[in-house]
N, C-alpha and C. Protein backbone atom coordinates (compact mmCIF):
# COMPACT_ATOMS: atom_id res chain seq x y z
N MET A 1 27.35 48.72 -17.84
CA MET A 1 28.08 49.60 -18.72
C MET A 1 29.56 49.21 -18.70
N MET A 2 30.14 49.04 -19.85
CA MET A 2 31.55 48.66 -19.99
C MET A 2 32.44 49.89 -19.91
N PRO A 3 33.59 49.77 -19.24
CA PRO A 3 34.54 50.88 -19.20
C PRO A 3 35.07 51.19 -20.59
N THR A 4 35.42 52.42 -20.83
CA THR A 4 35.97 52.82 -22.13
C THR A 4 37.40 52.32 -22.25
N THR A 5 37.91 52.34 -23.48
CA THR A 5 39.28 51.90 -23.72
C THR A 5 40.27 52.72 -22.90
N GLY A 6 40.04 54.02 -22.81
CA GLY A 6 40.92 54.88 -22.02
C GLY A 6 40.94 54.48 -20.56
N SER A 7 39.77 54.09 -20.05
CA SER A 7 39.67 53.66 -18.66
C SER A 7 40.49 52.39 -18.43
N TRP A 8 40.41 51.44 -19.36
CA TRP A 8 41.19 50.20 -19.25
C TRP A 8 42.68 50.50 -19.30
N ARG A 9 43.06 51.42 -20.17
CA ARG A 9 44.48 51.78 -20.27
C ARG A 9 44.96 52.41 -18.96
N SER A 10 44.14 53.27 -18.39
CA SER A 10 44.51 53.91 -17.12
C SER A 10 44.69 52.87 -16.03
N ARG A 11 43.76 51.93 -15.97
CA ARG A 11 43.85 50.88 -14.95
C ARG A 11 45.07 50.00 -15.18
N SER A 12 45.35 49.70 -16.44
CA SER A 12 46.53 48.89 -16.75
C SER A 12 47.81 49.62 -16.35
N LEU A 13 47.86 50.92 -16.62
CA LEU A 13 49.03 51.71 -16.26
C LEU A 13 49.22 51.74 -14.74
N ILE A 14 48.14 51.96 -14.02
CA ILE A 14 48.21 51.99 -12.56
C ILE A 14 48.66 50.64 -12.02
N LEU A 15 48.08 49.56 -12.54
CA LEU A 15 48.47 48.22 -12.11
C LEU A 15 49.95 47.96 -12.42
N SER A 16 50.41 48.37 -13.58
CA SER A 16 51.82 48.19 -13.95
C SER A 16 52.74 48.94 -13.00
N LEU A 17 52.35 50.16 -12.64
CA LEU A 17 53.17 50.96 -11.73
C LEU A 17 53.20 50.34 -10.33
N LEU A 18 52.07 49.76 -9.91
CA LEU A 18 52.03 49.12 -8.60
C LEU A 18 52.89 47.86 -8.55
N LEU A 19 52.91 47.12 -9.65
CA LEU A 19 53.65 45.86 -9.69
C LEU A 19 55.12 46.04 -10.06
N ALA A 20 55.49 47.18 -10.59
CA ALA A 20 56.86 47.40 -11.05
C ALA A 20 57.91 47.10 -9.99
N PRO A 21 57.74 47.52 -8.74
CA PRO A 21 58.78 47.23 -7.75
C PRO A 21 58.90 45.74 -7.43
N VAL A 22 57.88 44.95 -7.75
CA VAL A 22 57.87 43.52 -7.44
C VAL A 22 58.68 42.73 -8.46
N THR A 23 58.69 43.19 -9.70
CA THR A 23 59.37 42.46 -10.76
C THR A 23 60.79 42.98 -10.93
N GLN A 24 61.66 42.06 -11.33
CA GLN A 24 63.05 42.43 -11.51
C GLN A 24 63.67 41.47 -12.50
N ALA A 25 64.50 41.98 -13.37
CA ALA A 25 65.19 41.14 -14.34
C ALA A 25 66.67 41.05 -13.97
N ILE A 26 67.26 39.94 -14.33
CA ILE A 26 68.69 39.77 -14.12
C ILE A 26 69.38 40.05 -15.45
N THR A 27 70.33 40.97 -15.43
CA THR A 27 71.08 41.30 -16.63
C THR A 27 72.21 40.29 -16.79
N ILE A 28 72.36 39.78 -18.02
CA ILE A 28 73.39 38.77 -18.26
C ILE A 28 73.98 38.95 -19.65
N ASP A 29 75.29 38.81 -19.73
CA ASP A 29 76.00 38.81 -21.00
C ASP A 29 76.55 37.39 -21.16
N THR A 30 75.93 36.60 -22.02
CA THR A 30 76.29 35.19 -22.14
C THR A 30 77.69 34.97 -22.70
N SER A 31 78.30 36.01 -23.25
CA SER A 31 79.67 35.87 -23.76
C SER A 31 80.72 36.18 -22.68
N ASN A 32 80.25 36.56 -21.50
CA ASN A 32 81.15 36.93 -20.41
C ASN A 32 80.92 35.98 -19.24
N ARG A 33 81.91 35.13 -18.95
CA ARG A 33 81.77 34.13 -17.88
C ARG A 33 81.42 34.76 -16.54
N GLN A 34 82.06 35.87 -16.18
CA GLN A 34 81.78 36.50 -14.89
C GLN A 34 80.34 37.02 -14.84
N SER A 35 79.82 37.49 -15.96
CA SER A 35 78.43 37.95 -16.00
C SER A 35 77.47 36.79 -15.73
N VAL A 36 77.79 35.63 -16.31
CA VAL A 36 76.96 34.44 -16.09
C VAL A 36 77.03 34.02 -14.62
N ILE A 37 78.21 34.04 -14.04
CA ILE A 37 78.38 33.68 -12.63
C ILE A 37 77.63 34.67 -11.74
N ASP A 38 77.75 35.95 -12.03
CA ASP A 38 77.05 36.97 -11.24
C ASP A 38 75.53 36.79 -11.32
N ALA A 39 75.03 36.49 -12.52
CA ALA A 39 73.59 36.27 -12.69
C ALA A 39 73.14 35.03 -11.93
N ALA A 40 73.94 33.96 -11.99
CA ALA A 40 73.62 32.74 -11.26
C ALA A 40 73.63 32.99 -9.75
N SER A 41 74.58 33.78 -9.29
CA SER A 41 74.67 34.12 -7.88
C SER A 41 73.43 34.89 -7.42
N GLU A 42 73.01 35.83 -8.24
CA GLU A 42 71.81 36.61 -7.91
C GLU A 42 70.57 35.72 -7.87
N ALA A 43 70.47 34.79 -8.82
CA ALA A 43 69.32 33.88 -8.85
C ALA A 43 69.34 32.94 -7.64
N ALA A 44 70.51 32.42 -7.30
CA ALA A 44 70.63 31.52 -6.14
C ALA A 44 70.26 32.25 -4.86
N TYR A 45 70.73 33.46 -4.72
CA TYR A 45 70.41 34.26 -3.53
C TYR A 45 68.90 34.49 -3.44
N GLY A 46 68.29 34.86 -4.56
CA GLY A 46 66.85 35.07 -4.57
C GLY A 46 66.08 33.81 -4.22
N MET A 47 66.55 32.66 -4.72
CA MET A 47 65.89 31.39 -4.41
C MET A 47 65.99 31.09 -2.92
N MET A 48 67.13 31.37 -2.33
CA MET A 48 67.33 31.06 -0.91
C MET A 48 66.50 31.95 0.02
N THR A 49 65.97 33.06 -0.48
CA THR A 49 65.11 33.88 0.37
C THR A 49 63.81 33.16 0.69
N TRP A 50 63.48 32.12 -0.08
CA TRP A 50 62.26 31.34 0.16
C TRP A 50 62.51 30.17 1.11
N TYR A 51 63.76 29.92 1.47
CA TYR A 51 64.13 28.76 2.29
C TYR A 51 64.35 29.19 3.73
N ALA A 52 63.60 28.58 4.64
CA ALA A 52 63.72 28.90 6.07
C ALA A 52 64.32 27.75 6.86
N GLY A 53 64.69 26.66 6.20
CA GLY A 53 65.21 25.48 6.89
C GLY A 53 66.51 25.71 7.63
N ASN A 54 67.19 26.80 7.34
CA ASN A 54 68.44 27.10 8.04
C ASN A 54 68.22 28.06 9.21
N GLU A 55 66.96 28.33 9.54
CA GLU A 55 66.63 29.20 10.67
C GLU A 55 66.27 28.36 11.89
N THR A 56 66.57 28.88 13.07
CA THR A 56 66.27 28.18 14.32
C THR A 56 64.79 27.83 14.41
N GLY A 57 64.51 26.57 14.76
CA GLY A 57 63.14 26.12 14.93
C GLY A 57 62.46 25.63 13.67
N GLN A 58 63.12 25.75 12.54
CA GLN A 58 62.54 25.30 11.27
C GLN A 58 63.06 23.91 10.91
N ILE A 59 62.41 23.27 9.94
CA ILE A 59 62.79 21.93 9.52
C ILE A 59 63.80 22.03 8.38
N PRO A 60 65.04 21.56 8.60
CA PRO A 60 66.04 21.61 7.52
C PRO A 60 65.60 20.80 6.31
N GLY A 61 65.81 21.35 5.13
CA GLY A 61 65.52 20.63 3.90
C GLY A 61 64.09 20.72 3.43
N LYS A 62 63.23 21.42 4.15
CA LYS A 62 61.82 21.47 3.79
C LYS A 62 61.43 22.88 3.35
N LEU A 63 60.77 22.94 2.20
CA LEU A 63 60.16 24.19 1.76
C LEU A 63 58.69 24.16 2.14
N VAL A 64 58.02 25.28 1.99
CA VAL A 64 56.63 25.40 2.43
C VAL A 64 55.69 24.48 1.65
N ASP A 65 55.89 24.37 0.36
CA ASP A 65 54.93 23.63 -0.47
C ASP A 65 55.36 22.18 -0.69
N THR A 66 55.24 21.70 -1.90
CA THR A 66 55.41 20.29 -2.20
C THR A 66 56.87 19.82 -2.06
N TRP A 67 57.02 18.52 -1.88
CA TRP A 67 58.33 17.91 -1.63
C TRP A 67 59.31 18.15 -2.77
N TRP A 68 58.82 18.13 -4.00
CA TRP A 68 59.73 18.22 -5.14
C TRP A 68 60.38 19.58 -5.26
N GLU A 69 59.78 20.62 -4.68
CA GLU A 69 60.40 21.95 -4.73
C GLU A 69 61.70 21.97 -3.94
N GLY A 70 61.73 21.28 -2.80
CA GLY A 70 62.97 21.17 -2.02
C GLY A 70 64.03 20.42 -2.80
N GLY A 71 63.63 19.33 -3.44
CA GLY A 71 64.57 18.56 -4.26
C GLY A 71 65.11 19.38 -5.42
N ALA A 72 64.23 20.12 -6.08
CA ALA A 72 64.66 20.96 -7.20
C ALA A 72 65.60 22.06 -6.73
N MET A 73 65.30 22.64 -5.56
CA MET A 73 66.16 23.69 -5.03
C MET A 73 67.56 23.15 -4.73
N PHE A 74 67.63 21.99 -4.06
CA PHE A 74 68.93 21.42 -3.73
C PHE A 74 69.71 21.05 -5.00
N MET A 75 69.02 20.49 -5.99
CA MET A 75 69.69 20.14 -7.24
C MET A 75 70.23 21.39 -7.92
N ALA A 76 69.43 22.46 -7.94
CA ALA A 76 69.88 23.72 -8.55
C ALA A 76 71.10 24.27 -7.82
N LEU A 77 71.11 24.16 -6.50
CA LEU A 77 72.25 24.67 -5.73
C LEU A 77 73.50 23.82 -5.92
N ILE A 78 73.33 22.51 -6.09
CA ILE A 78 74.47 21.64 -6.37
C ILE A 78 75.05 21.99 -7.74
N GLN A 79 74.18 22.20 -8.73
CA GLN A 79 74.65 22.59 -10.06
C GLN A 79 75.29 23.97 -10.03
N TYR A 80 74.72 24.87 -9.25
CA TYR A 80 75.29 26.21 -9.09
C TYR A 80 76.72 26.11 -8.57
N TRP A 81 76.93 25.31 -7.54
CA TRP A 81 78.26 25.10 -6.97
C TRP A 81 79.21 24.51 -8.02
N HIS A 82 78.72 23.50 -8.75
CA HIS A 82 79.55 22.83 -9.75
C HIS A 82 80.02 23.81 -10.83
N PHE A 83 79.11 24.62 -11.33
CA PHE A 83 79.45 25.50 -12.46
C PHE A 83 80.15 26.79 -12.05
N THR A 84 79.93 27.26 -10.82
CA THR A 84 80.53 28.54 -10.40
C THR A 84 81.70 28.36 -9.45
N GLY A 85 81.75 27.23 -8.74
CA GLY A 85 82.77 27.04 -7.71
C GLY A 85 82.45 27.76 -6.41
N ASP A 86 81.29 28.40 -6.34
CA ASP A 86 80.87 29.14 -5.15
C ASP A 86 80.27 28.17 -4.13
N THR A 87 80.86 28.10 -2.95
CA THR A 87 80.43 27.16 -1.92
C THR A 87 79.48 27.79 -0.90
N THR A 88 78.96 28.96 -1.19
CA THR A 88 78.12 29.71 -0.24
C THR A 88 77.00 28.88 0.36
N TYR A 89 76.32 28.07 -0.44
CA TYR A 89 75.12 27.37 0.02
C TYR A 89 75.36 25.89 0.31
N ASN A 90 76.61 25.44 0.23
CA ASN A 90 76.89 24.01 0.43
C ASN A 90 76.49 23.51 1.81
N ASP A 91 76.69 24.31 2.85
CA ASP A 91 76.31 23.87 4.20
C ASP A 91 74.80 23.68 4.30
N GLU A 92 74.01 24.60 3.75
CA GLU A 92 72.56 24.47 3.79
C GLU A 92 72.10 23.23 3.02
N VAL A 93 72.72 22.99 1.86
CA VAL A 93 72.36 21.82 1.06
C VAL A 93 72.71 20.54 1.82
N THR A 94 73.89 20.47 2.38
CA THR A 94 74.33 19.28 3.12
C THR A 94 73.42 19.00 4.31
N VAL A 95 73.18 20.00 5.13
CA VAL A 95 72.33 19.82 6.32
C VAL A 95 70.92 19.43 5.91
N GLY A 96 70.36 20.13 4.93
CA GLY A 96 68.99 19.84 4.50
C GLY A 96 68.84 18.44 3.94
N MET A 97 69.77 18.02 3.09
CA MET A 97 69.67 16.69 2.49
C MET A 97 69.93 15.60 3.52
N GLU A 98 70.89 15.80 4.41
CA GLU A 98 71.14 14.79 5.45
C GLU A 98 69.95 14.66 6.39
N PHE A 99 69.32 15.79 6.73
CA PHE A 99 68.17 15.76 7.63
C PHE A 99 67.00 15.01 7.00
N GLN A 100 66.86 15.11 5.69
CA GLN A 100 65.75 14.48 4.99
C GLN A 100 66.05 13.06 4.51
N ALA A 101 67.26 12.57 4.74
CA ALA A 101 67.67 11.28 4.18
C ALA A 101 66.89 10.10 4.75
N GLY A 102 66.33 10.23 5.94
CA GLY A 102 65.61 9.10 6.53
C GLY A 102 66.53 7.92 6.70
N ASN A 103 66.08 6.74 6.27
CA ASN A 103 66.89 5.53 6.35
C ASN A 103 67.68 5.32 5.06
N GLY A 104 68.13 6.41 4.47
CA GLY A 104 68.91 6.31 3.24
C GLY A 104 68.06 6.35 1.98
N ASP A 105 66.76 6.61 2.12
CA ASP A 105 65.89 6.60 0.95
C ASP A 105 65.13 7.92 0.76
N TYR A 106 65.49 8.92 1.51
CA TYR A 106 64.83 10.24 1.47
C TYR A 106 63.34 10.15 1.75
N MET A 107 62.96 9.17 2.57
CA MET A 107 61.59 9.03 3.05
C MET A 107 61.65 8.98 4.58
N PRO A 108 61.79 10.14 5.24
CA PRO A 108 61.93 10.14 6.69
C PRO A 108 60.71 9.56 7.39
N SER A 109 60.94 8.95 8.54
CA SER A 109 59.82 8.36 9.28
C SER A 109 58.84 9.43 9.74
N ASN A 110 59.32 10.64 10.01
CA ASN A 110 58.44 11.76 10.34
C ASN A 110 58.06 12.42 9.03
N TYR A 111 56.90 12.08 8.50
CA TYR A 111 56.49 12.52 7.17
C TYR A 111 56.43 14.03 7.04
N SER A 112 56.25 14.76 8.14
CA SER A 112 56.20 16.22 8.05
C SER A 112 57.56 16.80 7.66
N ASN A 113 58.61 16.02 7.83
CA ASN A 113 59.95 16.47 7.46
C ASN A 113 60.28 16.19 6.00
N TYR A 114 59.40 15.53 5.31
CA TYR A 114 59.65 15.05 3.96
C TYR A 114 59.84 16.20 2.97
N ILE A 115 60.98 16.17 2.23
CA ILE A 115 61.16 17.17 1.19
C ILE A 115 60.39 16.69 -0.01
């Protein structure tokens, strides 16, 4: 027996209410430079919550999943610094990239450290 339309709507509403605290939008006014900087700052901060390489006992420069995510994160943070002038994450970027540099080719001999 298939659920009625009302039942599907109720389930959708309940699911939406459960997921609402998980989702969040960044408000931005593209005509206001400070609004763009504030939005970029919020996005950078949120991105860094996924990075544990700056914590004791963790591998600098490495994210949990694939190597390219670490590279994309560092590139985004370099661009963030360039466009905003905010140096908040420069130390993490420098340490992470230097740790992963290997013999100058970003292929460290300890493959588990590979970004």
